[in-house]
Amino acid sequence: MHSTVTSAEAQVVLAVIPIVGIVIGGIIVFFYLLWHHHEIKLQIQTGTYQHRKFDLKNFSLLTGLLLTGIGISLTLFFSLLNGFSYAVLGGLIPLVLGLCLLIFYKINPEFKQSQHTDNGSND
């Protein structure tokens, strides 16, 4: 096994790169949110703003299915690779989050009420 020695300058550059990336990403997100805020504010002033309703029912179902699938595959991969170790948490966390979202989708009473009203209006 060979060992390479990196200089102190190279280590500083390698440490600064992620910091600069995070700062630039934060600046981009900030200006996007600022632009979006001004856009919504101008739409409200001109009277053309239409509030979009967030569909929590479909979001929880889709996100729950995706997280459950990813969690199952990562859990199997890490458990086959290393056995039961801390790496398995990388799969168990999305698995449990996905299952919780699917349970939320199934037991939320507002979703059941909207389903009954949707079925009643089609008659």
PDB file of N, CA and C in Angstrom:
ATOM      1  N   MET A   1       0.851  -1.159   0.000  1.00  0.00           N
ATOM      2  CA  MET A   1       0.000   0.000   0.000  1.00  0.00           C
ATOM      3  C   MET A   1       0.897   1.222   0.000  1.00  0.00           C
ATOM      4  N   HIS A   2       0.674   2.112  -0.951  1.00  0.00           N
ATOM      5  CA  HIS A   2       1.512   3.295  -0.976  1.00  0.00           C
ATOM      6  C   HIS A   2       0.781   4.468  -0.342  1.00  0.00           C
ATOM      7  N   SER A   3       1.543   5.370   0.187  1.00  0.00           N
ATOM      8  CA  SER A   3       0.991   6.523   0.871  1.00  0.00           C
ATOM      9  C   SER A   3       1.475   7.782   0.175  1.00  0.00           C
ATOM     10  N   THR A   4       0.551   8.681  -0.093  1.00  0.00           N
ATOM     11  CA  THR A   4       0.944   9.940  -0.700  1.00  0.00           C
ATOM     12  C   THR A   4       0.782  11.051   0.316  1.00  0.00           C
ATOM     13  N   VAL A   5       1.693  11.968   0.287  1.00  0.00           N
ATOM     14  CA  VAL A   5       1.648  13.098   1.193  1.00  0.00           C
ATOM     15  C   VAL A   5       1.192  14.309   0.392  1.00  0.00           C
ATOM     16  N   THR A   6       0.133  14.924   0.860  1.00  0.00           N
ATOM     17  CA  THR A   6      -0.341  16.127   0.182  1.00  0.00           C
ATOM     18  C   THR A   6       0.132  17.342   0.963  1.00  0.00           C
ATOM     19  N   SER A   7       0.390  18.389   0.253  1.00  0.00           N
ATOM     20  CA  SER A   7       0.884  19.594   0.907  1.00  0.00           C
ATOM     21  C   SER A   7      -0.241  20.297   1.654  1.00  0.00           C
ATOM     22  N   ALA A   8       0.133  21.197   2.519  1.00  0.00           N
ATOM     23  CA  ALA A   8      -0.859  21.939   3.300  1.00  0.00           C
ATOM     24  C   ALA A   8      -1.713  22.816   2.399  1.00  0.00           C
ATOM     25  N   GLU A   9      -1.117  23.353   1.340  1.00  0.00           N
ATOM     26  CA  GLU A   9      -1.875  24.189   0.421  1.00  0.00           C
ATOM     27  C   GLU A   9      -2.955  23.384  -0.290  1.00  0.00           C
ATOM     28  N   ALA A  10      -2.623  22.172  -0.689  1.00  0.00           N
ATOM     29  CA  ALA A  10      -3.600  21.322  -1.358  1.00  0.00           C
ATOM     30  C   ALA A  10      -4.743  20.946  -0.412  1.00  0.00           C
ATOM     31  N   GLN A  11      -4.430  20.723   0.836  1.00  0.00           N
ATOM     32  CA  GLN A  11      -5.465  20.397   1.809  1.00  0.00           C
ATOM     33  C   GLN A  11      -6.392  21.587   2.037  1.00  0.00           C
ATOM     34  N   VAL A  12      -5.843  22.794   2.035  1.00  0.00           N
ATOM     35  CA  VAL A  12      -6.678  23.987   2.199  1.00  0.00           C
ATOM     36  C   VAL A  12      -7.608  24.144   1.005  1.00  0.00           C
ATOM     37  N   VAL A  13      -7.075  23.944  -0.196  1.00  0.00           N
ATOM     38  CA  VAL A  13      -7.900  24.062  -1.396  1.00  0.00           C
ATOM     39  C   VAL A  13      -9.013  23.011  -1.375  1.00  0.00           C
ATOM     40  N   LEU A  14      -8.688  21.797  -0.976  1.00  0.00           N
ATOM     41  CA  LEU A  14      -9.695  20.744  -0.918  1.00  0.00           C
ATOM     42  C   LEU A  14     -10.749  21.025   0.151  1.00  0.00           C
ATOM     43  N   ALA A  15     -10.372  21.724   1.210  1.00  0.00           N
ATOM     44  CA  ALA A  15     -11.340  22.067   2.253  1.00  0.00           C
ATOM     45  C   ALA A  15     -12.212  23.247   1.851  1.00  0.00           C
ATOM     46  N   VAL A  16     -11.700  24.138   1.013  1.00  0.00           N
ATOM     47  CA  VAL A  16     -12.439  25.336   0.630  1.00  0.00           C
ATOM     48  C   VAL A  16     -13.474  25.045  -0.465  1.00  0.00           C
ATOM     49  N   ILE A  17     -13.215  24.080  -1.316  1.00  0.00           N
ATOM     50  CA  ILE A  17     -14.106  23.792  -2.452  1.00  0.00           C
ATOM     51  C   ILE A  17     -15.540  23.497  -1.998  1.00  0.00           C
ATOM     52  N   PRO A  18     -15.783  22.608  -1.025  1.00  0.00           N
ATOM     53  CA  PRO A  18     -17.180  22.383  -0.616  1.00  0.00           C
ATOM     54  C   PRO A  18     -17.811  23.606   0.031  1.00  0.00           C
ATOM     55  N   ILE A  19     -17.024  24.382   0.761  1.00  0.00           N
ATOM     56  CA  ILE A  19     -17.566  25.583   1.403  1.00  0.00           C
ATOM     57  C   ILE A  19     -18.027  26.577   0.340  1.00  0.00           C
ATOM     58  N   VAL A  20     -17.212  26.780  -0.679  1.00  0.00           N
ATOM     59  CA  VAL A  20     -17.575  27.696  -1.762  1.00  0.00           C
ATOM     60  C   VAL A  20     -18.808  27.175  -2.500  1.00  0.00           C
ATOM     61  N   GLY A  21     -18.880  25.889  -2.721  1.00  0.00           N
ATOM     62  CA  GLY A  21     -20.044  25.309  -3.392  1.00  0.00           C
ATOM     63  C   GLY A  21     -21.325  25.515  -2.601  1.00  0.00           C
ATOM     64  N   ILE A  22     -21.263  25.340  -1.294  1.00  0.00           N
ATOM     65  CA  ILE A  22     -22.446  25.531  -0.455  1.00  0.00           C
ATOM     66  C   ILE A  22     -22.852  27.005  -0.441  1.00  0.00           C
ATOM     67  N   VAL A  23     -21.879  27.900  -0.360  1.00  0.00           N
ATOM     68  CA  VAL A  23     -22.194  29.330  -0.356  1.00  0.00           C
ATOM     69  C   VAL A  23     -22.828  29.746  -1.686  1.00  0.00           C
ATOM     70  N   ILE A  24     -22.284  29.313  -2.794  1.00  0.00           N
ATOM     71  CA  ILE A  24     -22.849  29.660  -4.105  1.00  0.00           C
ATOM     72  C   ILE A  24     -24.252  29.068  -4.253  1.00  0.00           C
ATOM     73  N   GLY A  25     -24.437  27.836  -3.815  1.00  0.00           N
ATOM     74  CA  GLY A  25     -25.775  27.237  -3.861  1.00  0.00           C
ATOM     75  C   GLY A  25     -26.764  28.008  -3.005  1.00  0.00           C
ATOM     76  N   GLY A  26     -26.333  28.458  -1.827  1.00  0.00           N
ATOM     77  CA  GLY A  26     -27.201  29.257  -0.967  1.00  0.00           C
ATOM     78  C   GLY A  26     -27.575  30.587  -1.603  1.00  0.00           C
ATOM     79  N   ILE A  27     -26.608  31.215  -2.280  1.00  0.00           N
ATOM     80  CA  ILE A  27     -26.885  32.477  -2.963  1.00  0.00           C
ATOM     81  C   ILE A  27     -27.887  32.268  -4.090  1.00  0.00           C
ATOM     82  N   ILE A  28     -27.739  31.191  -4.837  1.00  0.00           N
ATOM     83  CA  ILE A  28     -28.673  30.903  -5.934  1.00  0.00           C
ATOM     84  C   ILE A  28     -30.079  30.665  -5.394  1.00  0.00           C
ATOM     85  N   VAL A  29     -30.199  29.904  -4.326  1.00  0.00           N
ATOM     86  CA  VAL A  29     -31.520  29.646  -3.730  1.00  0.00           C
ATOM     87  C   VAL A  29     -32.129  30.942  -3.202  1.00  0.00           C
ATOM     88  N   PHE A  30     -31.306  31.778  -2.553  1.00  0.00           N
ATOM     89  CA  PHE A  30     -31.806  33.046  -2.022  1.00  0.00           C
ATOM     90  C   PHE A  30     -32.372  33.922  -3.139  1.00  0.00           C
ATOM     91  N   PHE A  31     -31.633  34.081  -4.217  1.00  0.00           N
ATOM     92  CA  PHE A  31     -32.108  34.950  -5.293  1.00  0.00           C
ATOM     93  C   PHE A  31     -33.295  34.348  -6.040  1.00  0.00           C
ATOM     94  N   TYR A  32     -33.387  33.023  -6.109  1.00  0.00           N
ATOM     95  CA  TYR A  32     -34.579  32.407  -6.694  1.00  0.00           C
ATOM     96  C   TYR A  32     -35.803  32.719  -5.840  1.00  0.00           C
ATOM     97  N   LEU A  33     -35.672  32.569  -4.517  1.00  0.00           N
ATOM     98  CA  LEU A  33     -36.802  32.858  -3.635  1.00  0.00           C
ATOM     99  C   LEU A  33     -37.178  34.337  -3.688  1.00  0.00           C
ATOM    100  N   LEU A  34     -36.188  35.216  -3.762  1.00  0.00           N
ATOM    101  CA  LEU A  34     -36.458  36.649  -3.866  1.00  0.00           C
ATOM    102  C   LEU A  34     -37.191  36.968  -5.171  1.00  0.00           C
ATOM    103  N   TRP A  35     -36.730  36.388  -6.285  1.00  0.00           N
ATOM    104  CA  TRP A  35     -37.377  36.599  -7.581  1.00  0.00           C
ATOM    105  C   TRP A  35     -38.806  36.084  -7.558  1.00  0.00           C
ATOM    106  N   HIS A  36     -39.014  34.905  -6.987  1.00  0.00           N
ATOM    107  CA  HIS A  36     -40.347  34.314  -6.916  1.00  0.00           C
ATOM    108  C   HIS A  36     -41.274  35.193  -6.063  1.00  0.00           C
ATOM    109  N   HIS A  37     -40.754  35.736  -4.971  1.00  0.00           N
ATOM    110  CA  HIS A  37     -41.540  36.614  -4.104  1.00  0.00           C
ATOM    111  C   HIS A  37     -41.983  37.866  -4.865  1.00  0.00           C
ATOM    112  N   HIS A  38     -41.062  38.472  -5.596  1.00  0.00           N
ATOM    113  CA  HIS A  38     -41.405  39.667  -6.364  1.00  0.00           C
ATOM    114  C   HIS A  38     -42.409  39.349  -7.479  1.00  0.00           C
ATOM    115  N   GLU A  39     -42.260  38.181  -8.089  1.00  0.00           N
ATOM    116  CA  GLU A  39     -43.190  37.775  -9.130  1.00  0.00           C
ATOM    117  C   GLU A  39     -44.606  37.628  -8.577  1.00  0.00           C
ATOM    118  N   ILE A  40     -44.735  36.970  -7.431  1.00  0.00           N
ATOM    119  CA  ILE A  40     -46.049  36.774  -6.804  1.00  0.00           C
ATOM    120  C   ILE A  40     -46.617  38.127  -6.369  1.00  0.00           C
ATOM    121  N   LYS A  41     -45.764  38.990  -5.829  1.00  0.00           N
ATOM    122  CA  LYS A  41     -46.214  40.308  -5.388  1.00  0.00           C
ATOM    123  C   LYS A  41     -46.764  41.127  -6.564  1.00  0.00           C
ATOM    124  N   LEU A  42     -46.097  41.084  -7.709  1.00  0.00           N
ATOM    125  CA  LEU A  42     -46.580  41.805  -8.882  1.00  0.00           C
ATOM    126  C   LEU A  42     -47.863  41.192  -9.437  1.00  0.00           C
ATOM    127  N   GLN A  43     -47.981  39.867  -9.367  1.00  0.00           N
ATOM    128  CA  GLN A  43     -49.216  39.224  -9.822  1.00  0.00           C
ATOM    129  C   GLN A  43     -50.391  39.627  -8.935  1.00  0.00           C
ATOM    130  N   ILE A  44     -50.151  39.758  -7.632  1.00  0.00           N
ATOM    131  CA  ILE A  44     -51.217  40.181  -6.723  1.00  0.00           C
ATOM    132  C   ILE A  44     -51.619  41.619  -7.029  1.00  0.00           C
ATOM    133  N   GLN A  45     -50.637  42.485  -7.298  1.00  0.00           N
ATOM    134  CA  GLN A  45     -50.937  43.886  -7.600  1.00  0.00           C
ATOM    135  C   GLN A  45     -51.724  44.032  -8.894  1.00  0.00           C
ATOM    136  N   THR A  46     -51.420  43.209  -9.889  1.00  0.00           N
ATOM    137  CA  THR A  46     -52.133  43.314 -11.165  1.00  0.00           C
ATOM    138  C   THR A  46     -53.429  42.503 -11.183  1.00  0.00           C
ATOM    139  N   GLY A  47     -53.664  41.692 -10.169  1.00  0.00           N
ATOM    140  CA  GLY A  47     -54.889  40.910 -10.082  1.00  0.00           C
ATOM    141  C   GLY A  47     -54.870  39.635 -10.899  1.00  0.00           C
ATOM    142  N   THR A  48     -53.716  39.169 -11.291  1.00  0.00           N
ATOM    143  CA  THR A  48     -53.630  37.946 -12.095  1.00  0.00           C
ATOM    144  C   THR A  48     -53.165  36.741 -11.292  1.00  0.00           C
ATOM    145  N   TYR A  49     -53.036  36.886  -9.985  1.00  0.00           N
ATOM    146  CA  TYR A  49     -52.520  35.787  -9.156  1.00  0.00           C
ATOM    147  C   TYR A  49     -53.609  34.761  -8.910  1.00  0.00           C
ATOM    148  N   GLN A  50     -53.264  33.495  -9.138  1.00  0.00           N
ATOM    149  CA  GLN A  50     -54.159  32.388  -8.834  1.00  0.00           C
ATOM    150  C   GLN A  50     -53.421  31.435  -7.910  1.00  0.00           C
ATOM    151  N   HIS A  51     -53.954  31.275  -6.713  1.00  0.00           N
ATOM    152  CA  HIS A  51     -53.309  30.421  -5.716  1.00  0.00           C
ATOM    153  C   HIS A  51     -53.434  28.956  -6.140  1.00  0.00           C
ATOM    154  N   ARG A  52     -52.295  28.271  -6.183  1.00  0.00           N
ATOM    155  CA  ARG A  52     -52.316  26.847  -6.525  1.00  0.00           C
ATOM    156  C   ARG A  52     -52.423  26.033  -5.243  1.00  0.00           C
ATOM    157  N   LYS A  53     -53.374  25.131  -5.217  1.00  0.00           N
ATOM    158  CA  LYS A  53     -53.580  24.289  -4.046  1.00  0.00           C
ATOM    159  C   LYS A  53     -52.611  23.113  -4.092  1.00  0.00           C
ATOM    160  N   PHE A  54     -51.944  22.870  -2.965  1.00  0.00           N
ATOM    161  CA  PHE A  54     -51.002  21.760  -2.869  1.00  0.00           C
ATOM    162  C   PHE A  54     -51.776  20.470  -2.647  1.00  0.00           C
ATOM    163  N   ASP A  55     -51.539  19.469  -3.470  1.00  0.00           N
ATOM    164  CA  ASP A  55     -52.248  18.196  -3.383  1.00  0.00           C
ATOM    165  C   ASP A  55     -51.492  17.265  -2.434  1.00  0.00           C
ATOM    166  N   LEU A  56     -51.841  17.353  -1.154  1.00  0.00           N
ATOM    167  CA  LEU A  56     -51.150  16.562  -0.134  1.00  0.00           C
ATOM    168  C   LEU A  56     -51.432  15.076  -0.284  1.00  0.00           C
ATOM    169  N   LYS A  57     -52.603  14.729  -0.770  1.00  0.00           N
ATOM    170  CA  LYS A  57     -52.970  13.319  -0.916  1.00  0.00           C
ATOM    171  C   LYS A  57     -52.050  12.609  -1.909  1.00  0.00           C
ATOM    172  N   ASN A  58     -51.913  13.161  -3.106  1.00  0.00           N
ATOM    173  CA  ASN A  58     -51.050  12.532  -4.104  1.00  0.00           C
ATOM    174  C   ASN A  58     -49.572  12.650  -3.739  1.00  0.00           C
ATOM    175  N   PHE A  59     -49.197  13.767  -3.104  1.00  0.00           N
ATOM    176  CA  PHE A  59     -47.807  13.936  -2.685  1.00  0.00           C
ATOM    177  C   PHE A  59     -47.408  12.876  -1.665  1.00  0.00           C
ATOM    178  N   SER A  60     -48.265  12.639  -0.671  1.00  0.00           N
ATOM    179  CA  SER A  60     -47.918  11.654   0.355  1.00  0.00           C
ATOM    180  C   SER A  60     -47.886  10.241  -0.220  1.00  0.00           C
ATOM    181  N   LEU A  61     -48.771   9.946  -1.167  1.00  0.00           N
ATOM    182  CA  LEU A  61     -48.761   8.617  -1.788  1.00  0.00           C
ATOM    183  C   LEU A  61     -47.506   8.419  -2.632  1.00  0.00           C
ATOM    184  N   LEU A  62     -47.209   9.367  -3.508  1.00  0.00           N
ATOM    185  CA  LEU A  62     -46.053   9.239  -4.387  1.00  0.00           C
ATOM    186  C   LEU A  62     -44.746   9.226  -3.591  1.00  0.00           C
ATOM    187  N   THR A  63     -44.596  10.158  -2.660  1.00  0.00           N
ATOM    188  CA  THR A  63     -43.367  10.210  -1.867  1.00  0.00           C
ATOM    189  C   THR A  63     -43.235   8.971  -0.987  1.00  0.00           C
ATOM    190  N   GLY A  64     -44.328   8.504  -0.442  1.00  0.00           N
ATOM    191  CA  GLY A  64     -44.287   7.296   0.375  1.00  0.00           C
ATOM    192  C   GLY A  64     -43.862   6.074  -0.425  1.00  0.00           C
ATOM    193  N   LEU A  65     -44.405   5.934  -1.628  1.00  0.00           N
ATOM    194  CA  LEU A  65     -44.014   4.800  -2.473  1.00  0.00           C
ATOM    195  C   LEU A  65     -42.551   4.888  -2.887  1.00  0.00           C
ATOM    196  N   LEU A  66     -42.102   6.084  -3.269  1.00  0.00           N
ATOM    197  CA  LEU A  66     -40.701   6.251  -3.679  1.00  0.00           C
ATOM    198  C   LEU A  66     -39.744   5.989  -2.524  1.00  0.00           C
ATOM    199  N   LEU A  67     -40.022   6.564  -1.359  1.00  0.00           N
ATOM    200  CA  LEU A  67     -39.130   6.361  -0.215  1.00  0.00           C
ATOM    201  C   LEU A  67     -39.133   4.912   0.254  1.00  0.00           C
ATOM    202  N   THR A  68     -40.284   4.266   0.203  1.00  0.00           N
ATOM    203  CA  THR A  68     -40.339   2.858   0.601  1.00  0.00           C
ATOM    204  C   THR A  68     -39.511   1.994  -0.349  1.00  0.00           C
ATOM    205  N   GLY A  69     -39.659   2.225  -1.644  1.00  0.00           N
ATOM    206  CA  GLY A  69     -38.865   1.460  -2.617  1.00  0.00           C
ATOM    207  C   GLY A  69     -37.384   1.701  -2.484  1.00  0.00           C
ATOM    208  N   ILE A  70     -36.993   2.954  -2.340  1.00  0.00           N
ATOM    209  CA  ILE A  70     -35.574   3.275  -2.159  1.00  0.00           C
ATOM    210  C   ILE A  70     -35.065   2.681  -0.853  1.00  0.00           C
ATOM    211  N   GLY A  71     -35.872   2.789   0.203  1.00  0.00           N
ATOM    212  CA  GLY A  71     -35.457   2.257   1.504  1.00  0.00           C
ATOM    213  C   GLY A  71     -35.272   0.749   1.493  1.00  0.00           C
ATOM    214  N   ILE A  72     -36.172   0.043   0.829  1.00  0.00           N
ATOM    215  CA  ILE A  72     -36.040  -1.424   0.738  1.00  0.00           C
ATOM    216  C   ILE A  72     -34.774  -1.794  -0.018  1.00  0.00           C
ATOM    217  N   SER A  73     -34.551  -1.142  -1.155  1.00  0.00           N
ATOM    218  CA  SER A  73     -33.368  -1.498  -1.950  1.00  0.00           C
ATOM    219  C   SER A  73     -32.073  -1.137  -1.225  1.00  0.00           C
ATOM    220  N   LEU A  74     -32.014   0.025  -0.575  1.00  0.00           N
ATOM    221  CA  LEU A  74     -30.799   0.392   0.160  1.00  0.00           C
ATOM    222  C   LEU A  74     -30.573  -0.500   1.377  1.00  0.00           C
ATOM    223  N   THR A  75     -31.651  -0.852   2.058  1.00  0.00           N
ATOM    224  CA  THR A  75     -31.512  -1.737   3.216  1.00  0.00           C
ATOM    225  C   THR A  75     -30.973  -3.101   2.792  1.00  0.00           C
ATOM    226  N   LEU A  76     -31.528  -3.648   1.716  1.00  0.00           N
ATOM    227  CA  LEU A  76     -31.021  -4.936   1.221  1.00  0.00           C
ATOM    228  C   LEU A  76     -29.569  -4.824   0.760  1.00  0.00           C
ATOM    229  N   PHE A  77     -29.248  -3.760   0.041  1.00  0.00           N
ATOM    230  CA  PHE A  77     -27.882  -3.578  -0.445  1.00  0.00           C
ATOM    231  C   PHE A  77     -26.882  -3.472   0.701  1.00  0.00           C
ATOM    232  N   PHE A  78     -27.168  -2.608   1.682  1.00  0.00           N
ATOM    233  CA  PHE A  78     -26.218  -2.418   2.773  1.00  0.00           C
ATOM    234  C   PHE A  78     -26.146  -3.634   3.687  1.00  0.00           C
ATOM    235  N   SER A  79     -27.265  -4.342   3.878  1.00  0.00           N
ATOM    236  CA  SER A  79     -27.210  -5.527   4.732  1.00  0.00           C
ATOM    237  C   SER A  79     -26.468  -6.670   4.047  1.00  0.00           C
ATOM    238  N   LEU A  80     -26.581  -6.788   2.723  1.00  0.00           N
ATOM    239  CA  LEU A  80     -25.818  -7.814   2.005  1.00  0.00           C
ATOM    240  C   LEU A  80     -24.343  -7.439   1.904  1.00  0.00           C
ATOM    241  N   LEU A  81     -24.050  -6.157   1.825  1.00  0.00           N
ATOM    242  CA  LEU A  81     -22.681  -5.700   1.674  1.00  0.00           C
ATOM    243  C   LEU A  81     -21.905  -5.804   2.982  1.00  0.00           C
ATOM    244  N   ASN A  82     -22.470  -5.284   4.067  1.00  0.00           N
ATOM    245  CA  ASN A  82     -21.752  -5.222   5.348  1.00  0.00           C
ATOM    246  C   ASN A  82     -22.415  -5.991   6.476  1.00  0.00           C
ATOM    247  N   GLY A  83     -23.505  -6.651   6.250  1.00  0.00           N
ATOM    248  CA  GLY A  83     -24.245  -7.240   7.348  1.00  0.00           C
ATOM    249  C   GLY A  83     -24.979  -6.129   8.089  1.00  0.00           C
ATOM    250  N   PHE A  84     -25.461  -6.442   9.288  1.00  0.00           N
ATOM    251  CA  PHE A  84     -26.149  -5.414  10.059  1.00  0.00           C
ATOM    252  C   PHE A  84     -25.127  -4.534  10.741  1.00  0.00           C
ATOM    253  N   SER A  85     -24.968  -3.339  10.210  1.00  0.00           N
ATOM    254  CA  SER A  85     -24.065  -2.345  10.794  1.00  0.00           C
ATOM    255  C   SER A  85     -24.764  -0.995  10.706  1.00  0.00           C
ATOM    256  N   TYR A  86     -24.048   0.048  11.044  1.00  0.00           N
ATOM    257  CA  TYR A  86     -24.641   1.377  10.987  1.00  0.00           C
ATOM    258  C   TYR A  86     -24.973   1.800   9.559  1.00  0.00           C
ATOM    259  N   ALA A  87     -24.375   1.194   8.584  1.00  0.00           N
ATOM    260  CA  ALA A  87     -24.661   1.527   7.191  1.00  0.00           C
ATOM    261  C   ALA A  87     -26.091   1.163   6.813  1.00  0.00           C
ATOM    262  N   VAL A  88     -26.680   0.191   7.485  1.00  0.00           N
ATOM    263  CA  VAL A  88     -28.052  -0.226   7.189  1.00  0.00           C
ATOM    264  C   VAL A  88     -29.033   0.914   7.494  1.00  0.00           C
ATOM    265  N   LEU A  89     -28.648   1.823   8.403  1.00  0.00           N
ATOM    266  CA  LEU A  89     -29.516   2.964   8.696  1.00  0.00           C
ATOM    267  C   LEU A  89     -29.741   3.829   7.458  1.00  0.00           C
ATOM    268  N   GLY A  90     -28.791   3.812   6.532  1.00  0.00           N
ATOM    269  CA  GLY A  90     -28.952   4.555   5.290  1.00  0.00           C
ATOM    270  C   GLY A  90     -30.117   4.048   4.468  1.00  0.00           C
ATOM    271  N   GLY A  91     -30.557   2.837   4.706  1.00  0.00           N
ATOM    272  CA  GLY A  91     -31.725   2.299   4.030  1.00  0.00           C
ATOM    273  C   GLY A  91     -32.954   2.261   4.918  1.00  0.00           C
ATOM    274  N   LEU A  92     -32.734   2.064   6.226  1.00  0.00           N
ATOM    275  CA  LEU A  92     -33.874   1.980   7.136  1.00  0.00           C
ATOM    276  C   LEU A  92     -34.569   3.325   7.318  1.00  0.00           C
ATOM    277  N   ILE A  93     -33.801   4.414   7.289  1.00  0.00           N
ATOM    278  CA  ILE A  93     -34.406   5.736   7.487  1.00  0.00           C
ATOM    279  C   ILE A  93     -35.383   6.074   6.363  1.00  0.00           C
ATOM    280  N   PRO A  94     -35.007   5.973   5.078  1.00  0.00           N
ATOM    281  CA  PRO A  94     -36.019   6.249   4.047  1.00  0.00           C
ATOM    282  C   PRO A  94     -37.142   5.214   4.032  1.00  0.00           C
ATOM    283  N   LEU A  95     -36.847   3.973   4.425  1.00  0.00           N
ATOM    284  CA  LEU A  95     -37.890   2.948   4.474  1.00  0.00           C
ATOM    285  C   LEU A  95     -38.951   3.324   5.499  1.00  0.00           C
ATOM    286  N   VAL A  96     -38.536   3.718   6.687  1.00  0.00           N
ATOM    287  CA  VAL A  96     -39.488   4.077   7.742  1.00  0.00           C
ATOM    288  C   VAL A  96     -40.238   5.356   7.374  1.00  0.00           C
ATOM    289  N   LEU A  97     -39.551   6.327   6.791  1.00  0.00           N
ATOM    290  CA  LEU A  97     -40.232   7.548   6.359  1.00  0.00           C
ATOM    291  C   LEU A  97     -41.281   7.242   5.291  1.00  0.00           C
ATOM    292  N   GLY A  98     -40.950   6.383   4.356  1.00  0.00           N
ATOM    293  CA  GLY A  98     -41.906   6.010   3.325  1.00  0.00           C
ATOM    294  C   GLY A  98     -43.104   5.277   3.887  1.00  0.00           C
ATOM    295  N   LEU A  99     -42.862   4.368   4.815  1.00  0.00           N
ATOM    296  CA  LEU A  99     -43.972   3.648   5.437  1.00  0.00           C
ATOM    297  C   LEU A  99     -44.863   4.590   6.235  1.00  0.00           C
ATOM    298  N   CYS A 100     -44.254   5.558   6.924  1.00  0.00           N
ATOM    299  CA  CYS A 100     -45.046   6.536   7.680  1.00  0.00           C
ATOM    300  C   CYS A 100     -45.911   7.379   6.744  1.00  0.00           C
ATOM    301  N   LEU A 101     -45.381   7.774   5.594  1.00  0.00           N
ATOM    302  CA  LEU A 101     -46.187   8.544   4.640  1.00  0.00           C
ATOM    303  C   LEU A 101     -47.324   7.701   4.069  1.00  0.00           C
ATOM    304  N   LEU A 102     -47.062   6.421   3.827  1.00  0.00           N
ATOM    305  CA  LEU A 102     -48.134   5.558   3.327  1.00  0.00           C
ATOM    306  C   LEU A 102     -49.213   5.340   4.383  1.00  0.00           C
ATOM    307  N   ILE A 103     -48.809   5.216   5.642  1.00  0.00           N
ATOM    308  CA  ILE A 103     -49.783   5.094   6.732  1.00  0.00           C
ATOM    309  C   ILE A 103     -50.596   6.385   6.849  1.00  0.00           C
ATOM    310  N   PHE A 104     -49.912   7.535   6.734  1.00  0.00           N
ATOM    311  CA  PHE A 104     -50.604   8.819   6.762  1.00  0.00           C
ATOM    312  C   PHE A 104     -51.617   8.911   5.626  1.00  0.00           C
ATOM    313  N   TYR A 105     -51.234   8.451   4.460  1.00  0.00           N
ATOM    314  CA  TYR A 105     -52.144   8.463   3.310  1.00  0.00           C
ATOM    315  C   TYR A 105     -53.371   7.596   3.575  1.00  0.00           C
ATOM    316  N   LYS A 106     -53.153   6.471   4.229  1.00  0.00           N
ATOM    317  CA  LYS A 106     -54.240   5.511   4.438  1.00  0.00           C
ATOM    318  C   LYS A 106     -55.199   5.957   5.540  1.00  0.00           C
ATOM    319  N   ILE A 107     -54.685   6.561   6.625  1.00  0.00           N
ATOM    320  CA  ILE A 107     -55.550   6.819   7.781  1.00  0.00           C
ATOM    321  C   ILE A 107     -56.027   8.259   7.898  1.00  0.00           C
ATOM    322  N   ASN A 108     -55.614   9.152   7.011  1.00  0.00           N
ATOM    323  CA  ASN A 108     -56.032  10.549   7.127  1.00  0.00           C
ATOM    324  C   ASN A 108     -57.518  10.667   6.801  1.00  0.00           C
ATOM    325  N   PRO A 109     -58.323  11.172   7.753  1.00  0.00           N
ATOM    326  CA  PRO A 109     -59.772  11.236   7.506  1.00  0.00           C
ATOM    327  C   PRO A 109     -60.154  12.248   6.436  1.00  0.00           C
ATOM    328  N   GLU A 110     -59.348  13.293   6.219  1.00  0.00           N
ATOM    329  CA  GLU A 110     -59.678  14.267   5.173  1.00  0.00           C
ATOM    330  C   GLU A 110     -59.609  13.639   3.787  1.00  0.00           C
ATOM    331  N   PHE A 111     -58.699  12.698   3.601  1.00  0.00           N
ATOM    332  CA  PHE A 111     -58.587  12.028   2.308  1.00  0.00           C
ATOM    333  C   PHE A 111     -59.809  11.151   2.062  1.00  0.00           C
ATOM    334  N   LYS A 112     -60.326  10.522   3.101  1.00  0.00           N
ATOM    335  CA  LYS A 112     -61.505   9.671   2.947  1.00  0.00           C
ATOM    336  C   LYS A 112     -62.735  10.516   2.636  1.00  0.00           C
ATOM    337  N   GLN A 113     -62.849  11.692   3.277  1.00  0.00           N
ATOM    338  CA  GLN A 113     -63.982  12.573   3.009  1.00  0.00           C
ATOM    339  C   GLN A 113     -63.950  13.093   1.578  1.00  0.00           C
ATOM    340  N   SER A 114     -62.756  13.478   1.094  1.00  0.00           N
ATOM    341  CA  SER A 114     -62.674  13.987  -0.269  1.00  0.00           C
ATOM    342  C   SER A 114     -62.956  12.884  -1.285  1.00  0.00           C
ATOM    343  N   GLN A 115     -62.626  11.640  -0.943  1.00  0.00           N
ATOM    344  CA  GLN A 115     -62.906  10.537  -1.842  1.00  0.00           C
ATOM    345  C   GLN A 115     -64.410  10.305  -1.937  1.00  0.00           C
ATOM    346  N   HIS A 116     -65.124  10.405  -0.813  1.00  0.00           N
ATOM    347  CA  HIS A 116     -66.571  10.205  -0.834  1.00  0.00           C
ATOM    348  C   HIS A 116     -67.258  11.343  -1.585  1.00  0.00           C
ATOM    349  N   THR A 117     -66.807  12.561  -1.410  1.00  0.00           N
ATOM    350  CA  THR A 117     -67.437  13.668  -2.136  1.00  0.00           C
ATOM    351  C   THR A 117     -67.118  13.607  -3.608  1.00  0.00           C
ATOM    352  N   ASP A 118     -65.913  13.143  -3.978  1.00  0.00           N
ATOM    353  CA  ASP A 118     -65.574  13.000  -5.400  1.00  0.00           C
ATOM    354  C   ASP A 118     -66.459  11.947  -6.062  1.00  0.00           C
ATOM    355  N   ASN A 119     -66.692  10.817  -5.359  1.00  0.00           N
ATOM    356  CA  ASN A 119     -67.505   9.755  -5.930  1.00  0.00           C
ATOM    357  C   ASN A 119     -68.964  10.187  -6.028  1.00  0.00           C
ATOM    358  N   GLY A 120     -69.440  10.984  -5.069  1.00  0.00           N
ATOM    359  CA  GLY A 120     -70.816  11.429  -5.083  1.00  0.00           C
ATOM    360  C   GLY A 120     -71.110  12.431  -6.177  1.00  0.00           C
ATOM    361  N   SER A 121     -70.136  13.233  -6.564  1.00  0.00           N
ATOM    362  CA  SER A 121     -70.370  14.252  -7.569  1.00  0.00           C
ATOM    363  C   SER A 121     -70.389  13.684  -8.996  1.00  0.00           C
ATOM    364  N   ASN A 122     -69.918  12.473  -9.176  1.00  0.00           N
ATOM    365  CA  ASN A 122     -69.880  11.880 -10.504  1.00  0.00           C
ATOM    366  C   ASN A 122     -71.187  11.177 -10.861  1.00  0.00           C
ATOM    367  N   ASP A 123     -72.111  11.066  -9.920  1.00  0.00           N
ATOM    368  CA  ASP A 123     -73.375  10.356 -10.197  1.00  0.00           C
ATOM    369  C   ASP A 123     -74.257  11.138 -11.102  1.00  0.00           C
TER     370      ASP A 123
END
